Protein backbone atom coordinates (compact mmCIF):
# COMPACT_ATOMS: atom_id res chain seq x y z
CA MET A 1 22.78 17.30 -18.59
CA SER A 2 20.81 20.22 -17.29
CA HIS A 3 21.89 22.24 -14.30
CA PHE A 4 18.74 21.23 -12.39
CA LEU A 5 19.37 17.52 -12.92
CA ALA A 6 23.03 17.83 -11.87
CA THR A 7 22.02 19.72 -8.72
CA TYR A 8 19.43 17.04 -7.90
CA ILE A 9 21.98 14.26 -8.36
CA ASP A 10 24.45 16.08 -6.10
CA PHE A 11 21.73 16.48 -3.47
CA VAL A 12 20.82 12.78 -3.58
CA GLN A 13 24.48 11.79 -3.30
CA SER A 14 24.97 14.13 -0.33
CA VAL A 15 21.93 12.75 1.49
CA GLY A 16 23.06 9.18 0.78
CA PHE A 17 26.57 9.87 2.06
CA ILE A 18 25.26 11.49 5.24
CA PHE A 19 22.90 8.53 5.79
CA LEU A 20 25.63 5.92 5.27
CA ALA A 21 28.12 7.82 7.45
CA THR A 22 25.53 8.07 10.23
CA ILE A 23 24.76 4.35 10.05
CA ALA A 24 28.50 3.51 10.11
CA VAL A 25 29.09 5.71 13.17
CA PHE A 26 26.06 4.21 14.94
CA ILE A 27 27.21 0.65 14.28
CA THR A 28 30.78 1.43 15.36
CA ARG A 29 29.61 3.05 18.61
CA LYS A 30 27.25 0.14 19.29
CA LEU A 31 30.01 -2.43 18.80
CA PHE A 32 32.45 -0.59 21.07
CA SER A 33 29.86 0.06 23.79
CA ASP A 34 28.82 -3.61 23.79
CA ASN A 35 32.48 -4.60 24.02
CA LYS A 36 33.05 -2.33 27.02
CA LYS A 37 29.83 -3.52 28.64
CA ASP A 38 31.02 -7.15 28.60
CA ASN A 39 34.44 -6.38 30.10
CA TYR A 40 33.41 -6.08 33.73
CA ILE A 41 32.12 -8.46 36.38
CA GLU A 42 28.89 -7.65 38.12
CA ALA A 43 28.59 -8.04 41.89
CA VAL A 44 26.60 -11.14 42.82
CA LYS A 45 24.96 -11.83 46.16
CA ILE A 46 25.08 -15.48 47.19
CA GLU A 47 22.79 -16.71 49.91
CA VAL A 48 23.19 -20.17 51.43
CA ASP A 49 20.30 -21.82 53.27
CA GLU A 50 21.28 -24.48 55.78
């Protein structure tokens, strides 16, 4: 295997790892933020017409 090919393979693996790590962090943050968003009760105004 030539040095150029090995360097290219290392580069592709590094880019792939960075991409997958970024996607994993994004999904984890999205899940936790959605979970926190659903854990509170919004104030509701109730009007009664008689």
